[in-house]
């Protein structure tokens, strides 16, 4: 059991590291100061949760997260993590998807019924495969005015795509509180 917990901890650090790497592309991470009155860890914004992961001494990655579970089993199938991007008005989205993902088929996302756009598959780790997206100001605005963030992907060997709808309920308040925009 120790090894499983260590693998999960490593997966969480890698997940946070990929998110932090995306946030630091332009040189500024989501540094919180006392004056900013950051949301508290565990605070919810609609269907989103504010979480922080310690990466090392003095390094913390914070984001809004949402875990999508399979209704029949209650097991997680995806985890969305939205953090501040490198530039003002931008965000960085990382989605953890199940192992066995058909990587060449890719991952598509769409806000409500709008045209789909691709996500970059970054890597696969013990906990799942990570797909990411720089969220520019226009897409962030669309997310804030939307209802669902839909993703579609295929599992290796399956012809039918897996379609998941993440909720955008609370994203506007969460983005404002976490100073993602």
N, C-alpha and C. Protein backbone atom coordinates (compact mmCIF):
# COMPACT_ATOMS: atom_id res chain seq x y z
N UNK A 1 0.82 -1.20 0.00
CA UNK A 1 0.00 0.00 0.00
C UNK A 1 0.86 1.25 0.00
N UNK A 2 2.01 1.18 0.67
CA UNK A 2 2.92 2.32 0.71
C UNK A 2 3.32 2.73 -0.70
N UNK A 3 3.63 1.76 -1.54
CA UNK A 3 4.05 2.06 -2.90
C UNK A 3 2.94 2.75 -3.69
N UNK A 4 1.69 2.29 -3.51
CA UNK A 4 0.56 2.91 -4.19
C UNK A 4 0.40 4.36 -3.74
N UNK A 5 0.51 4.60 -2.43
CA UNK A 5 0.40 5.97 -1.94
C UNK A 5 1.53 6.83 -2.46
N UNK A 6 2.74 6.27 -2.55
CA UNK A 6 3.88 7.02 -3.10
C UNK A 6 3.64 7.34 -4.56
N UNK A 7 3.09 6.39 -5.31
CA UNK A 7 2.81 6.63 -6.73
C UNK A 7 1.75 7.71 -6.88
N UNK A 8 0.73 7.69 -6.00
CA UNK A 8 -0.29 8.73 -6.06
C UNK A 8 0.30 10.09 -5.73
N UNK A 9 1.15 10.13 -4.70
CA UNK A 9 1.77 11.40 -4.33
C UNK A 9 2.64 11.92 -5.47
N UNK A 10 3.40 11.02 -6.09
CA UNK A 10 4.23 11.42 -7.23
C UNK A 10 3.35 11.91 -8.37
N UNK A 11 2.26 11.20 -8.64
CA UNK A 11 1.34 11.62 -9.70
C UNK A 11 0.76 12.99 -9.42
N UNK A 12 0.41 13.26 -8.15
CA UNK A 12 -0.12 14.57 -7.80
C UNK A 12 0.92 15.65 -8.01
N UNK A 13 2.18 15.35 -7.65
CA UNK A 13 3.25 16.33 -7.85
C UNK A 13 3.51 16.57 -9.32
N UNK A 14 3.47 15.50 -10.12
CA UNK A 14 3.68 15.67 -11.56
C UNK A 14 2.53 16.46 -12.16
N UNK A 15 1.29 16.15 -11.76
CA UNK A 15 0.10 16.88 -12.24
C UNK A 15 0.25 18.36 -11.90
N UNK A 16 0.62 18.65 -10.65
CA UNK A 16 0.81 20.04 -10.24
C UNK A 16 1.99 20.66 -10.96
N UNK A 17 3.04 19.87 -11.18
CA UNK A 17 4.21 20.37 -11.88
C UNK A 17 3.91 20.74 -13.32
N UNK A 18 3.12 19.93 -14.00
CA UNK A 18 2.73 20.25 -15.38
C UNK A 18 1.90 21.53 -15.38
N UNK A 19 0.98 21.63 -14.43
CA UNK A 19 0.17 22.85 -14.34
C UNK A 19 1.05 24.05 -14.03
N UNK A 20 1.99 23.90 -13.08
CA UNK A 20 2.87 25.00 -12.74
C UNK A 20 3.76 25.37 -13.91
N UNK A 21 4.24 24.38 -14.64
CA UNK A 21 5.07 24.66 -15.81
C UNK A 21 4.31 25.49 -16.82
N UNK A 22 3.06 25.19 -17.02
CA UNK A 22 2.25 25.98 -17.95
C UNK A 22 2.04 27.39 -17.44
N UNK A 23 1.89 27.53 -16.14
CA UNK A 23 1.69 28.86 -15.58
C UNK A 23 2.96 29.70 -15.67
N UNK A 24 4.12 29.07 -15.63
CA UNK A 24 5.38 29.80 -15.58
C UNK A 24 5.96 30.08 -16.95
N UNK A 25 5.28 29.70 -18.01
CA UNK A 25 5.82 29.93 -19.35
C UNK A 25 6.24 31.37 -19.57
N UNK A 26 5.52 32.29 -19.04
CA UNK A 26 5.86 33.69 -19.22
C UNK A 26 6.59 34.28 -18.03
N UNK A 27 6.90 33.46 -17.04
CA UNK A 27 7.72 33.93 -15.94
C UNK A 27 7.00 34.19 -14.63
N UNK A 28 5.67 34.13 -14.57
CA UNK A 28 5.02 34.41 -13.29
C UNK A 28 4.13 33.26 -12.90
N UNK A 29 4.38 32.72 -11.72
CA UNK A 29 3.53 31.65 -11.18
C UNK A 29 2.42 32.30 -10.38
N UNK A 30 1.54 31.48 -9.87
CA UNK A 30 0.41 31.99 -9.10
C UNK A 30 0.84 32.21 -7.66
N UNK A 31 1.68 33.19 -7.43
CA UNK A 31 2.19 33.49 -6.10
C UNK A 31 1.11 34.23 -5.33
N UNK A 32 0.84 33.75 -4.14
CA UNK A 32 -0.19 34.37 -3.32
C UNK A 32 0.49 35.17 -2.21
N UNK A 33 0.02 36.37 -1.94
CA UNK A 33 0.53 37.17 -0.83
C UNK A 33 -0.62 37.46 0.10
N UNK A 34 -0.27 37.93 1.28
CA UNK A 34 -1.30 38.21 2.28
C UNK A 34 -2.27 39.28 1.79
N UNK A 35 -1.75 40.27 1.03
CA UNK A 35 -2.62 41.35 0.57
C UNK A 35 -3.66 40.87 -0.45
N UNK A 36 -3.37 39.79 -1.16
CA UNK A 36 -4.28 39.34 -2.20
C UNK A 36 -5.51 38.64 -1.66
N UNK A 37 -5.47 38.23 -0.40
CA UNK A 37 -6.60 37.52 0.21
C UNK A 37 -7.07 36.39 -0.68
N UNK A 38 -6.19 35.45 -0.92
CA UNK A 38 -6.47 34.30 -1.77
C UNK A 38 -7.59 33.46 -1.16
N UNK A 39 -8.30 32.73 -2.01
CA UNK A 39 -9.30 31.81 -1.46
C UNK A 39 -8.61 30.76 -0.60
N UNK A 40 -9.32 30.17 0.30
CA UNK A 40 -8.71 29.15 1.16
C UNK A 40 -8.79 27.78 0.49
N UNK A 41 -7.82 26.96 0.77
CA UNK A 41 -7.79 25.60 0.22
C UNK A 41 -9.05 24.88 0.68
N UNK A 42 -9.72 24.23 -0.26
CA UNK A 42 -10.96 23.52 0.04
C UNK A 42 -12.21 24.35 -0.21
N UNK A 43 -12.04 25.64 -0.47
CA UNK A 43 -13.20 26.49 -0.76
C UNK A 43 -13.80 26.09 -2.10
N UNK A 44 -15.13 26.04 -2.15
CA UNK A 44 -15.81 25.66 -3.39
C UNK A 44 -16.42 26.88 -4.05
N UNK A 45 -16.46 26.80 -5.36
CA UNK A 45 -17.08 27.80 -6.22
C UNK A 45 -17.97 27.03 -7.17
N UNK A 46 -19.25 26.89 -6.83
CA UNK A 46 -20.14 26.05 -7.63
C UNK A 46 -19.61 24.62 -7.65
N UNK A 47 -19.28 24.12 -8.84
CA UNK A 47 -18.77 22.75 -8.98
C UNK A 47 -17.25 22.68 -8.97
N UNK A 48 -16.58 23.77 -8.64
CA UNK A 48 -15.11 23.84 -8.65
C UNK A 48 -14.58 23.96 -7.23
N UNK A 49 -13.40 23.40 -7.00
CA UNK A 49 -12.75 23.38 -5.69
C UNK A 49 -11.39 24.04 -5.81
N UNK A 50 -11.03 24.89 -4.86
CA UNK A 50 -9.71 25.53 -4.86
C UNK A 50 -8.75 24.61 -4.11
N UNK A 51 -7.67 24.21 -4.79
CA UNK A 51 -6.67 23.30 -4.20
C UNK A 51 -5.27 23.86 -4.42
N UNK A 52 -4.38 23.52 -3.50
CA UNK A 52 -2.97 23.87 -3.64
C UNK A 52 -2.14 22.62 -3.37
N UNK A 53 -1.03 22.50 -4.08
CA UNK A 53 -0.10 21.39 -3.90
C UNK A 53 1.28 21.96 -3.66
N UNK A 54 1.93 21.52 -2.58
CA UNK A 54 3.31 21.94 -2.31
C UNK A 54 4.24 21.21 -3.27
N UNK A 55 5.04 21.97 -3.98
CA UNK A 55 5.99 21.38 -4.93
C UNK A 55 7.39 21.29 -4.34
N UNK A 56 7.66 22.10 -3.37
CA UNK A 56 8.97 22.15 -2.72
C UNK A 56 8.95 23.32 -1.76
N UNK A 57 10.08 23.56 -1.14
CA UNK A 57 10.15 24.65 -0.18
C UNK A 57 9.87 25.98 -0.87
N UNK A 58 8.83 26.66 -0.43
CA UNK A 58 8.47 27.95 -0.99
C UNK A 58 7.79 27.88 -2.35
N UNK A 59 7.46 26.68 -2.84
CA UNK A 59 6.80 26.53 -4.13
C UNK A 59 5.46 25.83 -3.96
N UNK A 60 4.42 26.50 -4.37
CA UNK A 60 3.07 25.96 -4.28
C UNK A 60 2.35 26.23 -5.59
N UNK A 61 1.64 25.23 -6.08
CA UNK A 61 0.80 25.40 -7.27
C UNK A 61 -0.65 25.32 -6.82
N UNK A 62 -1.42 26.36 -7.13
CA UNK A 62 -2.83 26.41 -6.76
C UNK A 62 -3.68 26.46 -8.02
N UNK A 63 -4.86 25.86 -7.94
CA UNK A 63 -5.75 25.83 -9.10
C UNK A 63 -7.18 25.57 -8.67
N UNK A 64 -8.09 25.81 -9.60
CA UNK A 64 -9.48 25.40 -9.44
C UNK A 64 -9.59 24.02 -10.05
N UNK A 65 -10.18 23.07 -9.34
CA UNK A 65 -10.26 21.71 -9.84
C UNK A 65 -11.70 21.21 -9.83
N UNK A 66 -11.92 20.21 -10.66
CA UNK A 66 -13.21 19.52 -10.70
C UNK A 66 -12.92 18.08 -11.08
N UNK A 67 -13.39 17.16 -10.26
CA UNK A 67 -13.22 15.74 -10.54
C UNK A 67 -14.53 15.19 -11.09
N UNK A 68 -14.44 14.53 -12.24
CA UNK A 68 -15.61 13.93 -12.89
C UNK A 68 -15.60 12.44 -12.57
N UNK A 69 -16.71 11.93 -12.05
CA UNK A 69 -16.79 10.52 -11.68
C UNK A 69 -17.79 9.79 -12.56
N UNK A 70 -17.56 8.49 -12.74
CA UNK A 70 -18.51 7.63 -13.45
C UNK A 70 -19.69 7.42 -12.52
N UNK A 71 -20.87 7.77 -12.97
CA UNK A 71 -22.06 7.74 -12.12
C UNK A 71 -22.32 6.35 -11.53
N UNK A 72 -22.16 5.31 -12.33
CA UNK A 72 -22.49 3.96 -11.87
C UNK A 72 -21.52 3.45 -10.81
N UNK A 73 -20.26 3.82 -10.90
CA UNK A 73 -19.25 3.27 -9.99
C UNK A 73 -18.75 4.27 -8.96
N UNK A 74 -18.93 5.55 -9.22
CA UNK A 74 -18.40 6.56 -8.32
C UNK A 74 -16.90 6.76 -8.45
N UNK A 75 -16.30 6.12 -9.44
CA UNK A 75 -14.85 6.23 -9.64
C UNK A 75 -14.52 7.41 -10.54
N UNK A 76 -13.43 8.10 -10.24
CA UNK A 76 -13.05 9.24 -11.08
C UNK A 76 -12.61 8.82 -12.48
N UNK A 77 -13.01 9.60 -13.49
CA UNK A 77 -12.58 9.34 -14.86
C UNK A 77 -11.77 10.52 -15.41
N UNK A 78 -11.96 11.70 -14.83
CA UNK A 78 -11.20 12.87 -15.28
C UNK A 78 -11.09 13.87 -14.14
N UNK A 79 -10.01 14.65 -14.19
CA UNK A 79 -9.85 15.75 -13.24
C UNK A 79 -9.40 16.97 -14.03
N UNK A 80 -10.18 18.04 -13.91
CA UNK A 80 -9.87 19.31 -14.57
C UNK A 80 -9.13 20.18 -13.56
N UNK A 81 -8.12 20.89 -14.01
CA UNK A 81 -7.38 21.81 -13.15
C UNK A 81 -7.10 23.08 -13.93
N UNK A 82 -7.66 24.20 -13.48
CA UNK A 82 -7.49 25.49 -14.15
C UNK A 82 -6.70 26.41 -13.23
N UNK A 83 -5.60 26.93 -13.75
CA UNK A 83 -4.73 27.81 -12.97
C UNK A 83 -4.41 29.06 -13.77
N UNK A 84 -3.79 30.02 -13.11
CA UNK A 84 -3.39 31.25 -13.78
C UNK A 84 -2.34 30.94 -14.83
N UNK A 85 -2.48 31.56 -15.99
CA UNK A 85 -1.53 31.39 -17.08
C UNK A 85 -0.37 32.35 -16.96
N UNK A 86 0.48 32.33 -17.96
CA UNK A 86 1.69 33.14 -17.95
C UNK A 86 1.39 34.62 -18.12
N UNK A 87 0.37 34.97 -18.86
CA UNK A 87 0.05 36.38 -19.13
C UNK A 87 -1.27 36.76 -18.49
N UNK A 88 -1.45 38.04 -18.28
CA UNK A 88 -2.70 38.54 -17.71
C UNK A 88 -3.87 38.15 -18.61
N UNK A 89 -4.97 37.75 -17.97
CA UNK A 89 -6.16 37.38 -18.73
C UNK A 89 -6.12 35.98 -19.29
N UNK A 90 -5.10 35.21 -18.95
CA UNK A 90 -4.99 33.84 -19.46
C UNK A 90 -5.03 32.84 -18.33
N UNK A 91 -5.42 31.63 -18.69
CA UNK A 91 -5.40 30.52 -17.77
C UNK A 91 -4.66 29.36 -18.40
N UNK A 92 -4.43 28.33 -17.61
CA UNK A 92 -3.79 27.12 -18.10
C UNK A 92 -4.60 25.96 -17.57
N UNK A 93 -5.11 25.12 -18.46
CA UNK A 93 -5.97 24.00 -18.09
C UNK A 93 -5.23 22.69 -18.30
N UNK A 94 -5.24 21.83 -17.29
CA UNK A 94 -4.70 20.48 -17.39
C UNK A 94 -5.83 19.53 -17.03
N UNK A 95 -6.02 18.50 -17.85
CA UNK A 95 -7.04 17.49 -17.58
C UNK A 95 -6.36 16.14 -17.47
N UNK A 96 -6.57 15.46 -16.33
CA UNK A 96 -6.06 14.11 -16.17
C UNK A 96 -7.13 13.14 -16.65
N UNK A 97 -6.75 12.28 -17.59
CA UNK A 97 -7.65 11.30 -18.20
C UNK A 97 -7.14 9.90 -17.90
N UNK A 98 -7.95 8.86 -18.11
CA UNK A 98 -7.53 7.51 -17.75
C UNK A 98 -6.39 6.98 -18.62
N UNK A 99 -5.63 6.07 -18.02
CA UNK A 99 -4.62 5.34 -18.79
C UNK A 99 -5.34 4.51 -19.84
N UNK A 100 -4.67 4.23 -20.95
CA UNK A 100 -5.29 3.49 -22.04
C UNK A 100 -5.89 4.40 -23.08
N UNK A 101 -5.68 5.70 -22.91
CA UNK A 101 -6.15 6.70 -23.85
C UNK A 101 -5.50 6.45 -25.22
N UNK A 102 -6.29 6.56 -26.27
CA UNK A 102 -5.76 6.42 -27.64
C UNK A 102 -5.07 7.74 -27.99
N UNK A 103 -3.76 7.79 -27.75
CA UNK A 103 -3.01 9.04 -27.91
C UNK A 103 -3.07 9.58 -29.34
N UNK A 104 -2.88 8.75 -30.38
CA UNK A 104 -2.96 9.31 -31.74
C UNK A 104 -4.32 9.93 -32.08
N UNK A 105 -5.40 9.44 -31.47
CA UNK A 105 -6.73 9.99 -31.73
C UNK A 105 -6.90 11.37 -31.10
N UNK A 106 -6.11 11.67 -30.07
CA UNK A 106 -6.14 12.98 -29.44
C UNK A 106 -7.31 13.19 -28.51
N UNK A 107 -7.38 14.39 -27.99
CA UNK A 107 -8.44 14.82 -27.09
C UNK A 107 -9.02 16.11 -27.65
N UNK A 108 -10.33 16.16 -27.74
CA UNK A 108 -11.04 17.35 -28.22
C UNK A 108 -11.86 17.93 -27.07
N UNK A 109 -12.00 19.24 -27.07
CA UNK A 109 -12.80 19.92 -26.06
C UNK A 109 -13.72 20.91 -26.75
N UNK A 110 -14.82 21.22 -26.11
CA UNK A 110 -15.76 22.23 -26.63
C UNK A 110 -16.50 22.85 -25.45
N UNK A 111 -16.80 24.11 -25.58
CA UNK A 111 -17.59 24.80 -24.58
C UNK A 111 -19.02 24.83 -25.10
N UNK A 112 -19.91 24.19 -24.34
CA UNK A 112 -21.30 24.01 -24.75
C UNK A 112 -21.34 23.40 -26.16
N UNK A 113 -22.10 23.95 -27.09
CA UNK A 113 -22.21 23.37 -28.43
C UNK A 113 -21.29 24.01 -29.45
N UNK A 114 -20.30 24.76 -29.01
CA UNK A 114 -19.39 25.44 -29.93
C UNK A 114 -18.44 24.45 -30.60
N UNK A 115 -17.78 24.87 -31.68
CA UNK A 115 -16.86 23.97 -32.38
C UNK A 115 -15.75 23.45 -31.45
N UNK A 116 -15.37 22.18 -31.62
CA UNK A 116 -14.33 21.61 -30.76
C UNK A 116 -12.95 22.15 -31.11
N UNK A 117 -12.06 22.05 -30.13
CA UNK A 117 -10.67 22.44 -30.30
C UNK A 117 -9.81 21.37 -29.63
N UNK A 118 -8.58 21.17 -30.11
CA UNK A 118 -7.73 20.10 -29.57
C UNK A 118 -7.01 20.51 -28.29
N UNK A 119 -6.76 19.52 -27.46
CA UNK A 119 -5.90 19.68 -26.29
C UNK A 119 -4.62 18.91 -26.58
N UNK A 120 -3.51 19.38 -26.07
CA UNK A 120 -2.22 18.70 -26.25
C UNK A 120 -2.08 17.62 -25.19
N UNK A 121 -1.78 16.40 -25.60
CA UNK A 121 -1.51 15.33 -24.64
C UNK A 121 -0.05 15.48 -24.25
N UNK A 122 0.19 15.77 -22.97
CA UNK A 122 1.54 16.06 -22.48
C UNK A 122 2.33 14.80 -22.16
N UNK A 123 1.73 13.93 -21.34
CA UNK A 123 2.42 12.73 -20.89
C UNK A 123 1.41 11.81 -20.21
N UNK A 124 1.82 10.59 -19.95
CA UNK A 124 1.02 9.67 -19.14
C UNK A 124 1.87 9.25 -17.95
N UNK A 125 1.26 9.23 -16.78
CA UNK A 125 1.91 8.83 -15.55
C UNK A 125 1.08 7.72 -14.92
N UNK A 126 1.48 7.26 -13.75
CA UNK A 126 0.76 6.16 -13.10
C UNK A 126 -0.72 6.47 -12.87
N UNK A 127 -1.05 7.74 -12.61
CA UNK A 127 -2.43 8.11 -12.32
C UNK A 127 -3.29 8.40 -13.52
N UNK A 128 -2.69 8.53 -14.71
CA UNK A 128 -3.47 8.83 -15.90
C UNK A 128 -2.67 9.63 -16.90
N UNK A 129 -3.34 10.07 -17.95
CA UNK A 129 -2.70 10.85 -19.01
C UNK A 129 -3.11 12.31 -18.86
N UNK A 130 -2.17 13.21 -19.11
CA UNK A 130 -2.40 14.63 -18.93
C UNK A 130 -2.53 15.33 -20.27
N UNK A 131 -3.63 16.03 -20.45
CA UNK A 131 -3.86 16.85 -21.64
C UNK A 131 -3.94 18.30 -21.17
N UNK A 132 -3.41 19.22 -21.97
CA UNK A 132 -3.37 20.61 -21.50
C UNK A 132 -3.78 21.59 -22.59
N UNK A 133 -4.05 22.81 -22.15
CA UNK A 133 -4.48 23.87 -23.05
C UNK A 133 -4.17 25.22 -22.42
N UNK A 134 -3.54 26.10 -23.19
CA UNK A 134 -3.43 27.51 -22.79
C UNK A 134 -4.81 28.12 -23.01
N UNK A 135 -5.36 28.76 -22.01
CA UNK A 135 -6.69 29.34 -22.10
C UNK A 135 -6.53 30.85 -22.25
N UNK A 136 -6.73 31.34 -23.47
CA UNK A 136 -6.59 32.77 -23.71
C UNK A 136 -7.82 33.52 -23.19
N UNK A 137 -7.76 34.84 -23.25
CA UNK A 137 -8.84 35.67 -22.69
C UNK A 137 -10.19 35.36 -23.33
N UNK A 138 -10.22 35.14 -24.64
CA UNK A 138 -11.49 34.85 -25.32
C UNK A 138 -12.07 33.52 -24.85
N UNK A 139 -11.23 32.50 -24.70
CA UNK A 139 -11.73 31.20 -24.25
C UNK A 139 -12.14 31.27 -22.78
N UNK A 140 -11.41 32.02 -21.98
CA UNK A 140 -11.77 32.19 -20.58
C UNK A 140 -13.13 32.88 -20.46
N UNK A 141 -13.37 33.87 -21.30
CA UNK A 141 -14.67 34.55 -21.33
C UNK A 141 -15.77 33.56 -21.74
N UNK A 142 -15.49 32.72 -22.74
CA UNK A 142 -16.47 31.71 -23.18
C UNK A 142 -16.76 30.72 -22.05
N UNK A 143 -15.73 30.33 -21.31
CA UNK A 143 -15.94 29.41 -20.19
C UNK A 143 -16.82 30.06 -19.13
N UNK A 144 -16.57 31.32 -18.84
CA UNK A 144 -17.34 32.02 -17.81
C UNK A 144 -18.80 32.21 -18.22
N UNK A 145 -19.08 32.29 -19.51
CA UNK A 145 -20.47 32.44 -19.95
C UNK A 145 -21.11 31.11 -20.34
N UNK A 146 -20.34 30.03 -20.28
CA UNK A 146 -20.84 28.72 -20.69
C UNK A 146 -21.46 27.93 -19.55
N UNK A 147 -21.97 26.76 -19.92
CA UNK A 147 -22.58 25.84 -18.97
C UNK A 147 -21.74 24.58 -18.79
N UNK A 148 -21.24 24.02 -19.90
CA UNK A 148 -20.47 22.78 -19.87
C UNK A 148 -19.16 22.91 -20.62
N UNK A 149 -18.14 22.23 -20.10
CA UNK A 149 -16.86 22.09 -20.79
C UNK A 149 -16.79 20.62 -21.18
N UNK A 150 -17.02 20.34 -22.45
CA UNK A 150 -17.13 18.96 -22.93
C UNK A 150 -15.80 18.49 -23.49
N UNK A 151 -15.43 17.26 -23.15
CA UNK A 151 -14.23 16.67 -23.74
C UNK A 151 -14.60 15.32 -24.35
N UNK A 152 -13.87 14.97 -25.39
CA UNK A 152 -14.09 13.69 -26.07
C UNK A 152 -12.73 13.08 -26.38
N UNK A 153 -12.62 11.78 -26.16
CA UNK A 153 -11.41 11.03 -26.45
C UNK A 153 -11.80 9.58 -26.66
N UNK A 154 -10.89 8.81 -27.18
CA UNK A 154 -11.14 7.37 -27.36
C UNK A 154 -10.15 6.59 -26.51
N UNK A 155 -10.62 5.47 -26.03
CA UNK A 155 -9.72 4.53 -25.37
C UNK A 155 -9.12 3.65 -26.45
N UNK A 156 -7.91 3.23 -26.24
CA UNK A 156 -7.21 2.41 -27.24
C UNK A 156 -8.03 1.17 -27.57
N UNK A 157 -8.26 0.95 -28.85
CA UNK A 157 -9.01 -0.21 -29.31
C UNK A 157 -10.52 0.01 -29.39
N UNK A 158 -11.01 1.13 -28.91
CA UNK A 158 -12.45 1.42 -28.96
C UNK A 158 -12.75 2.40 -30.09
N UNK A 159 -13.77 2.09 -30.88
CA UNK A 159 -14.16 2.99 -31.97
C UNK A 159 -15.01 4.15 -31.47
N UNK A 160 -15.78 3.90 -30.41
CA UNK A 160 -16.68 4.92 -29.88
C UNK A 160 -15.92 5.87 -28.95
N UNK A 161 -16.10 7.17 -29.12
CA UNK A 161 -15.44 8.11 -28.22
C UNK A 161 -16.10 8.14 -26.84
N UNK A 162 -15.30 8.44 -25.84
CA UNK A 162 -15.80 8.70 -24.50
C UNK A 162 -16.07 10.19 -24.45
N UNK A 163 -17.27 10.56 -24.02
CA UNK A 163 -17.62 11.98 -23.94
C UNK A 163 -17.92 12.33 -22.49
N UNK A 164 -17.29 13.38 -22.03
CA UNK A 164 -17.44 13.81 -20.64
C UNK A 164 -17.83 15.28 -20.64
N UNK A 165 -18.82 15.61 -19.82
CA UNK A 165 -19.23 17.01 -19.66
C UNK A 165 -18.83 17.48 -18.27
N UNK A 166 -17.89 18.42 -18.23
CA UNK A 166 -17.54 19.07 -16.98
C UNK A 166 -18.41 20.30 -16.82
N UNK A 167 -18.76 20.62 -15.60
CA UNK A 167 -19.62 21.77 -15.34
C UNK A 167 -18.80 23.05 -15.26
N UNK A 168 -19.35 24.12 -15.79
CA UNK A 168 -18.72 25.44 -15.65
C UNK A 168 -19.43 26.27 -14.57
N UNK A 169 -20.33 25.63 -13.82
CA UNK A 169 -21.02 26.29 -12.72
C UNK A 169 -20.00 26.74 -11.67
N UNK A 170 -19.95 28.03 -11.40
CA UNK A 170 -19.05 28.57 -10.39
C UNK A 170 -17.71 29.03 -10.93
N UNK A 171 -17.45 28.81 -12.21
CA UNK A 171 -16.14 29.15 -12.77
C UNK A 171 -15.88 30.66 -12.72
N UNK A 172 -16.91 31.47 -12.92
CA UNK A 172 -16.72 32.92 -12.91
C UNK A 172 -16.24 33.39 -11.53
N UNK A 173 -16.92 32.95 -10.48
CA UNK A 173 -16.52 33.34 -9.12
C UNK A 173 -15.16 32.74 -8.77
N UNK A 174 -14.91 31.50 -9.16
CA UNK A 174 -13.63 30.87 -8.87
C UNK A 174 -12.46 31.55 -9.56
N UNK A 175 -12.65 31.89 -10.83
CA UNK A 175 -11.60 32.58 -11.59
C UNK A 175 -11.28 33.93 -10.96
N UNK A 176 -12.32 34.65 -10.53
CA UNK A 176 -12.10 35.95 -9.90
C UNK A 176 -11.38 35.80 -8.56
N UNK A 177 -11.82 34.86 -7.73
CA UNK A 177 -11.22 34.68 -6.41
C UNK A 177 -9.78 34.19 -6.50
N UNK A 178 -9.51 33.29 -7.44
CA UNK A 178 -8.16 32.73 -7.59
C UNK A 178 -7.28 33.63 -8.45
N UNK A 179 -7.84 34.74 -8.92
CA UNK A 179 -7.11 35.72 -9.75
C UNK A 179 -6.48 35.07 -10.97
N UNK A 180 -7.27 34.23 -11.64
CA UNK A 180 -6.80 33.57 -12.85
C UNK A 180 -6.85 34.53 -14.03
N UNK A 181 -7.77 35.48 -14.00
CA UNK A 181 -7.86 36.42 -15.12
C UNK A 181 -7.02 37.65 -14.90
